[in-house]
Amino acid sequence: MIATSVGYDIVFLIHLLAGVAVLAVFITMHYSAQKVARGADSAVQQAKFPGGRNWAARILHILPITGIIMSITGSDKVSFSKPWVSAGLLIYILAAGHLEARLLPSERDMAKTIKEKGMASPEAGRKFMISVDTLLALVAVGFVVMLTQI
């Protein structure tokens, strides 16, 4: 599907880079949670969970925008009639819902606990890591669907 047009190729590149960035951000979040789960000291926890908005995690929201643009401007191979395009949108909805309703609020709570008490419990770190891993699993399924186009 590459080399359809310059515009399509640019959108495809943005889509691809956003997907890789999403993976990098969520893997980094996993390792931060793992540090807490393993009982890292206060300084490490404060460095890993500084508070504030996590804009990097919201790169996820670029994926459906670029995907829809490619479906509208691309050939029949990437149209909405293809099951893998619909599957990609469904996976995005599940991932975005988990990100905004569960993961990011949990991250803010973790940062608040670390700021107020100096550290979070290993149990809180494990719980947060499971939430990150759930999102990573959804993203991984999305990658498989996009690569195999099933």
Protein backbone atom coordinates (compact mmCIF):
# COMPACT_ATOMS: atom_id res chain seq x y z
CA MET A 1 0.00 0.00 0.00
CA ILE A 2 3.05 2.24 0.23
CA ALA A 3 3.76 4.65 -2.63
CA THR A 4 0.09 5.27 -3.39
CA SER A 5 0.63 9.00 -3.05
CA VAL A 6 2.93 11.29 -1.13
CA GLY A 7 0.11 12.33 1.20
CA TYR A 8 -0.88 8.74 1.93
CA ASP A 9 2.74 7.79 2.54
CA ILE A 10 3.20 10.64 5.02
CA VAL A 11 0.07 9.62 6.93
CA PHE A 12 1.24 5.98 6.85
CA LEU A 13 4.64 7.01 8.23
CA ILE A 14 3.00 9.01 11.03
CA HIS A 15 0.76 6.00 11.79
CA LEU A 16 3.75 3.67 11.90
CA LEU A 17 5.89 5.99 14.06
CA ALA A 18 2.99 6.60 16.45
CA GLY A 19 2.55 2.84 16.83
CA VAL A 20 6.23 2.37 17.67
CA ALA A 21 6.13 5.34 20.06
CA VAL A 22 3.07 3.87 21.81
CA LEU A 23 4.95 0.63 22.37
CA ALA A 24 7.99 2.50 23.72
CA VAL A 25 5.88 4.57 26.13
CA PHE A 26 3.95 1.59 27.51
CA ILE A 27 7.08 -0.55 27.85
CA THR A 28 8.69 2.31 29.78
CA MET A 29 5.60 2.54 31.99
CA HIS A 30 5.83 -1.22 32.59
CA TYR A 31 9.43 -0.92 33.78
CA SER A 32 8.54 2.02 36.03
CA ALA A 33 5.76 -0.04 37.61
CA GLN A 34 8.14 -2.98 37.93
CA LYS A 35 10.56 -0.81 39.93
CA VAL A 36 7.81 -0.01 42.42
CA ALA A 37 6.68 -3.66 42.52
CA ARG A 38 10.23 -4.69 43.40
CA GLY A 39 10.39 -2.18 46.25
CA ALA A 40 12.55 0.56 44.76
CA ASP A 41 13.58 3.33 47.13
CA SER A 42 11.82 6.67 47.35
CA ALA A 43 14.20 8.54 45.01
CA VAL A 44 13.72 5.99 42.23
CA GLN A 45 9.94 5.97 42.65
CA GLN A 46 9.78 9.76 42.59
CA ALA A 47 11.86 9.83 39.42
CA LYS A 48 9.64 7.23 37.73
CA PHE A 49 6.34 8.84 38.82
CA PRO A 50 6.88 12.62 38.84
CA GLY A 51 3.18 13.48 38.54
CA GLY A 52 1.55 15.74 36.00
CA ARG A 53 -0.21 14.74 32.81
CA ASN A 54 1.19 11.86 30.81
CA TRP A 55 0.91 13.28 27.31
CA ALA A 56 3.24 10.64 25.88
CA ALA A 57 0.72 7.86 26.59
CA ARG A 58 -1.87 9.77 24.62
CA ILE A 59 0.08 9.23 21.41
CA LEU A 60 -2.27 6.25 21.22
CA HIS A 61 -4.99 8.64 20.02
CA ILE A 62 -3.05 9.42 16.83
CA LEU A 63 -3.49 5.85 15.59
CA PRO A 64 -7.22 5.92 14.75
CA ILE A 65 -6.96 9.37 13.21
CA THR A 66 -4.24 8.32 10.81
CA GLY A 67 -5.89 4.92 10.28
CA ILE A 68 -9.18 6.52 9.29
CA ILE A 69 -7.40 8.94 6.95
CA MET A 70 -5.66 6.00 5.26
CA SER A 71 -8.95 4.09 4.97
CA ILE A 72 -10.66 7.08 3.38
CA THR A 73 -7.85 7.95 0.97
CA GLY A 74 -6.44 4.47 0.29
CA SER A 75 -7.48 1.73 -2.07
CA ASP A 76 -9.97 -1.05 -1.41
CA LYS A 77 -7.23 -2.96 0.44
CA VAL A 78 -7.52 -0.57 3.39
CA SER A 79 -11.22 0.25 3.25
CA PHE A 80 -13.66 0.05 6.14
CA SER A 81 -15.13 -3.07 4.55
CA LYS A 82 -12.03 -5.04 5.53
CA PRO A 83 -12.42 -6.90 8.84
CA TRP A 84 -8.93 -5.99 10.01
CA VAL A 85 -9.71 -2.26 9.75
CA SER A 86 -12.83 -2.71 11.91
CA ALA A 87 -10.86 -4.91 14.30
CA GLY A 88 -8.22 -2.18 14.57
CA LEU A 89 -10.85 0.40 15.47
CA LEU A 90 -12.40 -1.92 18.07
CA ILE A 91 -9.00 -2.61 19.62
CA TYR A 92 -8.31 1.13 19.72
CA ILE A 93 -11.63 1.78 21.51
CA LEU A 94 -10.79 -0.87 24.11
CA ALA A 95 -7.23 0.42 24.53
CA ALA A 96 -8.28 4.08 24.75
CA GLY A 97 -10.99 3.25 27.26
CA HIS A 98 -8.52 1.37 29.45
CA LEU A 99 -5.92 4.12 29.10
CA GLU A 100 -8.21 7.00 30.01
CA ALA A 101 -10.49 5.30 32.54
CA ARG A 102 -8.05 3.07 34.37
CA LEU A 103 -4.35 3.44 33.59
CA LEU A 104 -3.84 7.20 33.66
CA PRO A 105 -5.96 7.73 36.79
CA SER A 106 -4.00 4.93 38.48
CA GLU A 107 -0.75 6.56 37.43
CA ARG A 108 -1.86 9.88 38.93
CA ASP A 109 -2.85 8.12 42.16
CA MET A 110 0.52 6.37 42.29
CA ALA A 111 2.38 9.66 41.78
CA LYS A 112 0.26 11.31 44.48
CA THR A 113 0.95 8.49 46.94
CA ILE A 114 4.68 8.63 46.23
CA LYS A 115 4.72 12.40 46.65
CA GLU A 116 2.77 12.32 49.93
CA LYS A 117 4.22 9.18 51.55
CA GLY A 118 7.60 8.99 49.87
CA MET A 119 6.89 5.62 48.27
CA ALA A 120 4.14 3.36 47.03
CA SER A 121 3.75 -0.23 48.12
CA PRO A 122 5.03 -3.10 46.00
CA GLU A 123 1.42 -4.31 45.77
CA ALA A 124 0.39 -0.98 44.22
CA GLY A 125 3.27 -1.34 41.77
CA ARG A 126 2.14 -4.85 40.80
CA LYS A 127 -1.44 -3.69 40.34
CA PHE A 128 -0.30 -0.81 38.14
CA MET A 129 1.99 -3.12 36.17
CA ILE A 130 -0.94 -5.47 35.44
CA SER A 131 -2.90 -2.50 34.12
CA VAL A 132 0.00 -1.46 31.88
CA ASP A 133 0.41 -5.04 30.68
CA THR A 134 -3.29 -5.18 29.79
CA LEU A 135 -2.81 -2.15 27.58
CA LEU A 136 0.38 -3.60 26.10
CA ALA A 137 -1.52 -6.79 25.25
CA LEU A 138 -4.20 -4.79 23.44
CA VAL A 139 -1.55 -2.87 21.51
CA ALA A 140 0.23 -6.13 20.64
CA VAL A 141 -3.01 -7.62 19.30
CA GLY A 142 -3.51 -4.44 17.28
CA PHE A 143 -0.02 -4.76 15.81
CA VAL A 144 -0.65 -8.38 14.83
CA VAL A 145 -3.96 -7.47 13.21
CA MET A 146 -2.39 -4.60 11.28
CA LEU A 147 0.63 -6.64 10.16
CA THR A 148 -1.29 -9.73 9.13
CA GLN A 149 -4.37 -7.82 7.93
CA ILE A 150 -6.68 -10.68 8.91
